[in-house]
Amino acid sequence: MTALALTGATTVVAAMATDAWQTTRTGMAVLFRRSGRTQQAAVEAQLEGNAALVAQAEDPERARQALLPVWQLQMEALLRQHPDATDDLRALVDKVRAELPRAEQHWVQTNIARDNGRIFASQQGDVIVHEHPDAGQLTPPTPASAPGTGAGQTS
């Protein structure tokens, strides 16, 4: 769900101030109609305001990057409340991507793993991970067998 929300948000902000905007705006209105007229109207107003910010920005790409987390949160909330919107969001993403100018069809993905974390990432594809049942139960080498420690070594 998080990955789809990010993809949807990336597509929406990429479409702002492009020829694909009307398709995007209309598709988003249909998606958020599930949340009621008040929420739909709020999202439409937010979309228009954000698109105007991008259009007027000295650096439109910077404006898009700043708006990305906001739209990711909106998409996550929508998908949490209305899981049935998943297929419609995927269809909208595909439709908008096809209309985006070539310059806007590049995607940037930053993945950071911390504290022994793992990342399995993909753009426009699938990641399939087959993990060994004993994975995660690794033990660090003992000092006697750790390379370069000198322990257990004779000269």
N, C-alpha and C. Protein backbone atom coordinates (compact mmCIF):
# COMPACT_ATOMS: atom_id res chain seq x y z
N MET A 1 0.83 -1.18 0.00
CA MET A 1 0.00 0.00 0.00
C MET A 1 0.87 1.26 0.00
N THR A 2 1.93 1.26 0.79
CA THR A 2 2.82 2.42 0.85
C THR A 2 3.49 2.67 -0.49
N ALA A 3 3.91 1.59 -1.14
CA ALA A 3 4.58 1.73 -2.44
C ALA A 3 3.63 2.31 -3.48
N LEU A 4 2.39 1.83 -3.49
CA LEU A 4 1.41 2.35 -4.45
C LEU A 4 1.09 3.80 -4.14
N ALA A 5 0.98 4.14 -2.86
CA ALA A 5 0.72 5.53 -2.48
C ALA A 5 1.85 6.44 -2.95
N LEU A 6 3.09 5.98 -2.80
CA LEU A 6 4.23 6.77 -3.26
C LEU A 6 4.22 6.91 -4.78
N THR A 7 3.92 5.83 -5.47
CA THR A 7 3.84 5.88 -6.94
C THR A 7 2.74 6.84 -7.38
N GLY A 8 1.60 6.75 -6.73
CA GLY A 8 0.50 7.66 -7.06
C GLY A 8 0.86 9.11 -6.80
N ALA A 9 1.47 9.37 -5.66
CA ALA A 9 1.86 10.73 -5.31
C ALA A 9 2.91 11.27 -6.28
N THR A 10 3.88 10.44 -6.62
CA THR A 10 4.92 10.85 -7.57
C THR A 10 4.30 11.21 -8.92
N THR A 11 3.35 10.42 -9.35
CA THR A 11 2.70 10.67 -10.63
C THR A 11 1.88 11.95 -10.59
N VAL A 12 1.16 12.17 -9.50
CA VAL A 12 0.33 13.38 -9.38
C VAL A 12 1.20 14.63 -9.42
N VAL A 13 2.26 14.67 -8.63
CA VAL A 13 3.09 15.88 -8.60
C VAL A 13 3.87 16.04 -9.91
N ALA A 14 4.22 14.94 -10.56
CA ALA A 14 4.91 15.04 -11.85
C ALA A 14 4.00 15.65 -12.91
N ALA A 15 2.70 15.42 -12.78
CA ALA A 15 1.74 15.91 -13.77
C ALA A 15 1.39 17.38 -13.57
N MET A 16 1.67 17.93 -12.39
CA MET A 16 1.32 19.32 -12.13
C MET A 16 2.05 20.23 -13.11
N ALA A 17 1.30 21.17 -13.68
CA ALA A 17 1.83 22.14 -14.64
C ALA A 17 2.32 21.48 -15.93
N THR A 18 1.67 20.37 -16.32
CA THR A 18 1.97 19.72 -17.61
C THR A 18 0.65 19.52 -18.36
N ASP A 19 0.75 19.03 -19.58
CA ASP A 19 -0.45 18.75 -20.37
C ASP A 19 -1.27 17.59 -19.79
N ALA A 20 -0.68 16.82 -18.92
CA ALA A 20 -1.38 15.68 -18.31
C ALA A 20 -2.20 16.10 -17.09
N TRP A 21 -2.21 17.38 -16.76
CA TRP A 21 -2.83 17.82 -15.53
C TRP A 21 -4.34 17.58 -15.49
N GLN A 22 -5.04 17.88 -16.57
CA GLN A 22 -6.51 17.71 -16.55
C GLN A 22 -6.90 16.25 -16.33
N THR A 23 -6.20 15.34 -16.98
CA THR A 23 -6.46 13.91 -16.77
C THR A 23 -6.21 13.55 -15.31
N THR A 24 -5.12 14.06 -14.76
CA THR A 24 -4.76 13.78 -13.36
C THR A 24 -5.81 14.34 -12.41
N ARG A 25 -6.17 15.59 -12.60
CA ARG A 25 -7.13 16.25 -11.72
C ARG A 25 -8.48 15.52 -11.75
N THR A 26 -8.94 15.19 -12.94
CA THR A 26 -10.21 14.48 -13.08
C THR A 26 -10.14 13.11 -12.42
N GLY A 27 -9.06 12.39 -12.66
CA GLY A 27 -8.90 11.06 -12.07
C GLY A 27 -8.83 11.10 -10.55
N MET A 28 -8.16 12.11 -10.01
CA MET A 28 -8.07 12.25 -8.56
C MET A 28 -9.44 12.58 -7.97
N ALA A 29 -10.22 13.40 -8.65
CA ALA A 29 -11.56 13.72 -8.17
C ALA A 29 -12.41 12.45 -8.10
N VAL A 30 -12.29 11.61 -9.10
CA VAL A 30 -13.04 10.34 -9.10
C VAL A 30 -12.57 9.45 -7.94
N LEU A 31 -11.27 9.35 -7.74
CA LEU A 31 -10.74 8.53 -6.65
C LEU A 31 -11.24 9.00 -5.29
N PHE A 32 -11.18 10.31 -5.06
CA PHE A 32 -11.53 10.84 -3.74
C PHE A 32 -13.04 11.03 -3.56
N ARG A 33 -13.81 10.77 -4.59
CA ARG A 33 -15.27 10.81 -4.47
C ARG A 33 -15.74 9.79 -3.43
N ARG A 34 -14.98 8.72 -3.28
CA ARG A 34 -15.30 7.69 -2.29
C ARG A 34 -15.39 8.24 -0.88
N SER A 35 -14.64 9.31 -0.61
CA SER A 35 -14.57 9.87 0.73
C SER A 35 -15.67 10.90 1.01
N GLY A 36 -16.56 11.11 0.07
CA GLY A 36 -17.65 12.07 0.24
C GLY A 36 -17.35 13.38 -0.47
N ARG A 37 -18.41 14.14 -0.68
CA ARG A 37 -18.29 15.39 -1.45
C ARG A 37 -17.39 16.42 -0.77
N THR A 38 -17.46 16.50 0.54
CA THR A 38 -16.64 17.50 1.25
C THR A 38 -15.16 17.20 1.07
N GLN A 39 -14.77 15.95 1.26
CA GLN A 39 -13.37 15.55 1.09
C GLN A 39 -12.94 15.69 -0.36
N GLN A 40 -13.82 15.33 -1.29
CA GLN A 40 -13.50 15.45 -2.71
C GLN A 40 -13.24 16.92 -3.05
N ALA A 41 -14.10 17.82 -2.58
CA ALA A 41 -13.92 19.25 -2.86
C ALA A 41 -12.62 19.77 -2.24
N ALA A 42 -12.30 19.31 -1.04
CA ALA A 42 -11.06 19.73 -0.39
C ALA A 42 -9.84 19.26 -1.18
N VAL A 43 -9.87 18.03 -1.65
CA VAL A 43 -8.75 17.49 -2.43
C VAL A 43 -8.63 18.24 -3.75
N GLU A 44 -9.75 18.53 -4.40
CA GLU A 44 -9.69 19.27 -5.67
C GLU A 44 -9.09 20.66 -5.45
N ALA A 45 -9.48 21.33 -4.37
CA ALA A 45 -8.92 22.66 -4.07
C ALA A 45 -7.42 22.55 -3.79
N GLN A 46 -7.04 21.53 -3.04
CA GLN A 46 -5.63 21.33 -2.72
C GLN A 46 -4.84 21.05 -4.00
N LEU A 47 -5.37 20.24 -4.88
CA LEU A 47 -4.72 19.95 -6.16
C LEU A 47 -4.50 21.23 -6.96
N GLU A 48 -5.53 22.05 -7.06
CA GLU A 48 -5.43 23.28 -7.84
C GLU A 48 -4.39 24.23 -7.23
N GLY A 49 -4.42 24.36 -5.92
CA GLY A 49 -3.44 25.22 -5.25
C GLY A 49 -2.02 24.73 -5.44
N ASN A 50 -1.84 23.41 -5.31
CA ASN A 50 -0.50 22.83 -5.48
C ASN A 50 -0.01 22.96 -6.92
N ALA A 51 -0.90 22.75 -7.88
CA ALA A 51 -0.52 22.89 -9.29
C ALA A 51 -0.12 24.33 -9.59
N ALA A 52 -0.82 25.29 -8.99
CA ALA A 52 -0.46 26.70 -9.19
C ALA A 52 0.92 26.99 -8.59
N LEU A 53 1.21 26.41 -7.42
CA LEU A 53 2.54 26.58 -6.82
C LEU A 53 3.64 26.07 -7.76
N VAL A 54 3.42 24.91 -8.34
CA VAL A 54 4.41 24.33 -9.26
C VAL A 54 4.56 25.21 -10.50
N ALA A 55 3.43 25.67 -11.05
CA ALA A 55 3.47 26.49 -12.26
C ALA A 55 4.20 27.82 -12.03
N GLN A 56 4.08 28.37 -10.83
CA GLN A 56 4.68 29.67 -10.53
C GLN A 56 6.08 29.57 -9.93
N ALA A 57 6.52 28.38 -9.60
CA ALA A 57 7.81 28.21 -8.93
C ALA A 57 8.98 28.50 -9.86
N GLU A 58 10.02 29.09 -9.29
CA GLU A 58 11.25 29.29 -10.06
C GLU A 58 11.86 27.94 -10.42
N ASP A 59 11.73 26.99 -9.51
CA ASP A 59 12.24 25.64 -9.72
C ASP A 59 11.07 24.65 -9.54
N PRO A 60 10.34 24.37 -10.61
CA PRO A 60 9.16 23.49 -10.50
C PRO A 60 9.49 22.11 -9.91
N GLU A 61 10.65 21.58 -10.23
CA GLU A 61 11.01 20.25 -9.70
C GLU A 61 11.16 20.29 -8.19
N ARG A 62 11.73 21.35 -7.67
CA ARG A 62 11.86 21.51 -6.22
C ARG A 62 10.47 21.60 -5.57
N ALA A 63 9.58 22.32 -6.20
CA ALA A 63 8.21 22.43 -5.68
C ALA A 63 7.54 21.06 -5.68
N ARG A 64 7.73 20.31 -6.75
CA ARG A 64 7.15 18.95 -6.82
C ARG A 64 7.68 18.07 -5.69
N GLN A 65 8.99 18.13 -5.47
CA GLN A 65 9.60 17.31 -4.42
C GLN A 65 9.06 17.69 -3.04
N ALA A 66 8.81 18.96 -2.83
CA ALA A 66 8.26 19.41 -1.55
C ALA A 66 6.82 18.93 -1.35
N LEU A 67 6.08 18.81 -2.43
CA LEU A 67 4.67 18.38 -2.35
C LEU A 67 4.52 16.86 -2.28
N LEU A 68 5.53 16.14 -2.66
CA LEU A 68 5.44 14.68 -2.73
C LEU A 68 5.01 14.03 -1.41
N PRO A 69 5.61 14.35 -0.27
CA PRO A 69 5.19 13.69 0.98
C PRO A 69 3.73 13.97 1.34
N VAL A 70 3.25 15.17 1.03
CA VAL A 70 1.87 15.52 1.33
C VAL A 70 0.92 14.61 0.55
N TRP A 71 1.21 14.44 -0.74
CA TRP A 71 0.32 13.62 -1.56
C TRP A 71 0.48 12.14 -1.25
N GLN A 72 1.65 11.73 -0.81
CA GLN A 72 1.80 10.34 -0.39
C GLN A 72 0.91 10.07 0.82
N LEU A 73 0.88 10.98 1.77
CA LEU A 73 0.01 10.82 2.94
C LEU A 73 -1.46 10.79 2.53
N GLN A 74 -1.84 11.66 1.59
CA GLN A 74 -3.23 11.67 1.10
C GLN A 74 -3.58 10.32 0.47
N MET A 75 -2.68 9.80 -0.34
CA MET A 75 -2.93 8.51 -1.01
C MET A 75 -2.99 7.37 0.00
N GLU A 76 -2.10 7.38 0.98
CA GLU A 76 -2.11 6.33 2.00
C GLU A 76 -3.42 6.34 2.77
N ALA A 77 -3.89 7.54 3.12
CA ALA A 77 -5.16 7.66 3.85
C ALA A 77 -6.32 7.14 2.99
N LEU A 78 -6.31 7.50 1.72
CA LEU A 78 -7.37 7.03 0.81
C LEU A 78 -7.37 5.51 0.72
N LEU A 79 -6.20 4.92 0.51
CA LEU A 79 -6.12 3.47 0.36
C LEU A 79 -6.43 2.73 1.66
N ARG A 80 -6.10 3.33 2.78
CA ARG A 80 -6.45 2.73 4.07
C ARG A 80 -7.98 2.72 4.27
N GLN A 81 -8.61 3.85 3.95
CA GLN A 81 -10.06 3.97 4.12
C GLN A 81 -10.85 3.24 3.04
N HIS A 82 -10.26 3.16 1.85
CA HIS A 82 -10.97 2.58 0.71
C HIS A 82 -10.03 1.65 -0.06
N PRO A 83 -9.78 0.45 0.45
CA PRO A 83 -8.87 -0.47 -0.23
C PRO A 83 -9.32 -0.80 -1.66
N ASP A 84 -10.61 -0.64 -1.94
CA ASP A 84 -11.12 -0.89 -3.28
C ASP A 84 -10.60 0.12 -4.31
N ALA A 85 -9.96 1.20 -3.86
CA ALA A 85 -9.42 2.21 -4.76
C ALA A 85 -8.08 1.81 -5.37
N THR A 86 -7.53 0.71 -4.93
CA THR A 86 -6.20 0.28 -5.38
C THR A 86 -6.12 0.14 -6.90
N ASP A 87 -7.03 -0.61 -7.48
CA ASP A 87 -6.99 -0.82 -8.93
C ASP A 87 -7.23 0.48 -9.70
N ASP A 88 -8.12 1.32 -9.19
CA ASP A 88 -8.39 2.60 -9.86
C ASP A 88 -7.17 3.52 -9.80
N LEU A 89 -6.46 3.50 -8.68
CA LEU A 89 -5.25 4.31 -8.57
C LEU A 89 -4.18 3.80 -9.53
N ARG A 90 -4.01 2.50 -9.61
CA ARG A 90 -3.04 1.94 -10.57
C ARG A 90 -3.39 2.34 -12.01
N ALA A 91 -4.67 2.27 -12.34
CA ALA A 91 -5.11 2.64 -13.70
C ALA A 91 -4.85 4.12 -13.97
N LEU A 92 -5.10 4.96 -12.97
CA LEU A 92 -4.84 6.40 -13.14
C LEU A 92 -3.35 6.66 -13.33
N VAL A 93 -2.52 6.00 -12.55
CA VAL A 93 -1.07 6.15 -12.68
C VAL A 93 -0.64 5.79 -14.10
N ASP A 94 -1.11 4.66 -14.61
CA ASP A 94 -0.74 4.24 -15.97
C ASP A 94 -1.20 5.25 -17.01
N LYS A 95 -2.43 5.74 -16.85
CA LYS A 95 -2.98 6.68 -17.82
C LYS A 95 -2.21 8.00 -17.81
N VAL A 96 -1.91 8.51 -16.63
CA VAL A 96 -1.20 9.79 -16.52
C VAL A 96 0.24 9.65 -17.02
N ARG A 97 0.90 8.56 -16.65
CA ARG A 97 2.28 8.37 -17.12
C ARG A 97 2.37 8.37 -18.63
N ALA A 98 1.37 7.80 -19.29
CA ALA A 98 1.37 7.77 -20.75
C ALA A 98 1.24 9.18 -21.33
N GLU A 99 0.63 10.09 -20.60
CA GLU A 99 0.43 11.46 -21.08
C GLU A 99 1.54 12.42 -20.68
N LEU A 100 2.37 12.03 -19.73
CA LEU A 100 3.42 12.93 -19.27
C LEU A 100 4.45 13.20 -20.36
N PRO A 101 4.96 14.42 -20.40
CA PRO A 101 6.05 14.69 -21.35
C PRO A 101 7.25 13.83 -20.99
N ARG A 102 8.04 13.49 -21.96
CA ARG A 102 9.21 12.64 -21.73
C ARG A 102 10.09 13.16 -20.59
N ALA A 103 10.24 14.45 -20.49
CA ALA A 103 11.10 15.01 -19.45
C ALA A 103 10.57 14.71 -18.05
N GLU A 104 9.28 14.47 -17.92
CA GLU A 104 8.68 14.21 -16.61
C GLU A 104 8.53 12.71 -16.34
N GLN A 105 8.99 11.86 -17.24
CA GLN A 105 8.84 10.43 -17.06
C GLN A 105 10.06 9.78 -16.42
N HIS A 106 10.81 10.51 -15.68
CA HIS A 106 11.92 9.93 -14.92
C HIS A 106 11.52 9.91 -13.45
N TRP A 107 11.98 8.89 -12.78
CA TRP A 107 11.58 8.72 -11.38
C TRP A 107 12.84 8.59 -10.54
N VAL A 108 12.82 9.19 -9.40
CA VAL A 108 13.95 9.12 -8.48
C VAL A 108 13.48 8.36 -7.25
N GLN A 109 14.31 7.46 -6.81
CA GLN A 109 13.97 6.67 -5.63
C GLN A 109 15.18 6.66 -4.71
N THR A 110 14.97 7.02 -3.46
CA THR A 110 16.03 7.01 -2.47
C THR A 110 15.67 5.99 -1.40
N ASN A 111 16.55 5.06 -1.16
CA ASN A 111 16.31 4.02 -0.16
C ASN A 111 17.45 4.07 0.85
N ILE A 112 17.08 4.12 2.11
CA ILE A 112 18.08 4.17 3.17
C ILE A 112 17.74 3.09 4.19
N ALA A 113 18.70 2.23 4.47
CA ALA A 113 18.50 1.20 5.50
C ALA A 113 19.37 1.55 6.68
N ARG A 114 18.80 1.45 7.85
CA ARG A 114 19.54 1.74 9.08
C ARG A 114 19.32 0.63 10.08
N ASP A 115 20.23 0.54 11.01
CA ASP A 115 20.07 -0.38 12.14
C ASP A 115 19.76 -1.81 11.67
N ASN A 116 20.62 -2.32 10.83
CA ASN A 116 20.48 -3.68 10.29
C ASN A 116 19.22 -3.86 9.47
N GLY A 117 18.66 -2.78 8.96
CA GLY A 117 17.45 -2.86 8.14
C GLY A 117 17.77 -3.40 6.76
N ARG A 118 16.73 -3.81 6.08
CA ARG A 118 16.87 -4.31 4.70
C ARG A 118 15.97 -3.51 3.79
N ILE A 119 16.38 -3.38 2.55
CA ILE A 119 15.57 -2.69 1.56
C ILE A 119 15.42 -3.61 0.36
N PHE A 120 14.21 -3.77 -0.06
CA PHE A 120 13.89 -4.49 -1.29
C PHE A 120 13.10 -3.49 -2.12
N ALA A 121 13.71 -2.89 -3.11
CA ALA A 121 13.07 -1.79 -3.83
C ALA A 121 12.99 -2.07 -5.33
N SER A 122 12.00 -1.46 -5.93
CA SER A 122 11.82 -1.60 -7.37
C SER A 122 11.08 -0.37 -7.88
N GLN A 123 11.34 -0.02 -9.12
CA GLN A 123 10.54 0.99 -9.80
C GLN A 123 9.95 0.34 -11.03
N GLN A 124 8.65 0.40 -11.12
CA GLN A 124 7.91 -0.14 -12.26
C GLN A 124 8.20 -1.62 -12.47
N GLY A 125 8.24 -2.36 -11.41
CA GLY A 125 8.48 -3.80 -11.50
C GLY A 125 8.14 -4.48 -10.20
N ASP A 126 8.53 -5.71 -10.07
CA ASP A 126 8.25 -6.48 -8.87
C ASP A 126 9.56 -6.87 -8.20
N VAL A 127 9.49 -7.03 -6.90
CA VAL A 127 10.60 -7.57 -6.14
C VAL A 127 10.08 -8.82 -5.46
N ILE A 128 10.73 -9.92 -5.73
CA ILE A 128 10.35 -11.19 -5.11
C ILE A 128 11.52 -11.65 -4.27
N VAL A 129 11.27 -11.87 -3.01
CA VAL A 129 12.34 -12.25 -2.09
C VAL A 129 11.99 -13.61 -1.50
N HIS A 130 12.91 -14.53 -1.65
CA HIS A 130 12.78 -15.85 -1.03
C HIS A 130 13.82 -15.90 0.07
N GLU A 131 13.36 -15.90 1.27
CA GLU A 131 14.27 -15.84 2.40
C GLU A 131 14.44 -17.24 3.00
N HIS A 132 15.66 -17.56 3.34
CA HIS A 132 15.96 -18.83 3.98
C HIS A 132 15.33 -18.83 5.36
N PRO A 133 14.76 -19.95 5.80
CA PRO A 133 14.10 -19.98 7.11
C PRO A 133 15.00 -19.58 8.27
N ASP A 134 16.31 -19.78 8.14
CA ASP A 134 17.22 -19.44 9.23
C ASP A 134 17.78 -18.02 9.09
N ALA A 135 17.32 -17.28 8.07
CA ALA A 135 17.83 -15.92 7.87
C ALA A 135 17.48 -15.08 9.09
N GLY A 136 18.33 -14.18 9.41
CA GLY A 136 18.11 -13.32 10.57
C GLY A 136 18.62 -13.94 11.85
N GLN A 137 19.10 -15.19 11.80
CA GLN A 137 19.61 -15.85 12.98
C GLN A 137 21.12 -16.02 12.89
N LEU A 138 21.73 -15.09 12.18
CA LEU A 138 23.18 -15.16 12.02
C LEU A 138 23.85 -14.73 13.31
N THR A 139 24.97 -15.33 13.62
CA THR A 139 25.73 -14.94 14.80
C THR A 139 27.04 -14.33 14.33
N PRO A 140 27.48 -13.27 14.99
CA PRO A 140 28.75 -12.66 14.58
C PRO A 140 29.90 -13.61 14.87
N PRO A 141 31.02 -13.46 14.15
CA PRO A 141 32.17 -14.34 14.40
C PRO A 141 32.70 -14.12 15.81
N THR A 142 33.23 -15.18 16.37
CA THR A 142 33.84 -15.06 17.70
C THR A 142 35.19 -14.39 17.54
N PRO A 143 35.71 -13.77 18.58
CA PRO A 143 37.01 -13.07 18.47
C PRO A 143 38.12 -13.99 17.97
N ALA A 144 38.08 -15.25 18.32
CA ALA A 144 39.15 -16.15 17.88
C ALA A 144 39.12 -16.37 16.38
N SER A 145 37.93 -16.25 15.77
CA SER A 145 37.84 -16.52 14.34
C SER A 145 37.65 -15.27 13.51
N ALA A 146 37.56 -14.10 14.15
CA ALA A 146 37.34 -12.88 13.41
C ALA A 146 38.61 -12.53 12.63
N PRO A 147 38.49 -12.27 11.34
CA PRO A 147 39.67 -11.95 10.53
C PRO A 147 40.30 -10.62 10.97
N GLY A 148 41.61 -10.60 10.96
CA GLY A 148 42.36 -9.38 11.24
C GLY A 148 42.46 -9.01 12.70
N THR A 149 41.96 -9.85 13.61
CA THR A 149 42.02 -9.47 15.01
C THR A 149 43.30 -9.97 15.67
N GLY A 150 43.93 -10.93 15.06
CA GLY A 150 45.14 -11.48 15.63
C GLY A 150 44.84 -12.58 16.65
N ALA A 151 43.59 -12.70 17.06
CA ALA A 151 43.24 -13.72 18.04
C ALA A 151 43.37 -15.07 17.38
N GLY A 152 43.99 -15.97 18.05
CA GLY A 152 44.14 -17.33 17.55
C GLY A 152 45.20 -17.47 16.47
N GLN A 153 45.94 -16.38 16.19
CA GLN A 153 46.97 -16.43 15.16
C GLN A 153 48.34 -16.52 15.82
N THR A 154 49.24 -17.23 15.19
CA THR A 154 50.62 -17.29 15.69
C THR A 154 51.54 -16.80 14.60
N SER A 155 52.70 -16.25 15.00
CA SER A 155 53.66 -15.74 14.03
C SER A 155 54.82 -16.67 13.91
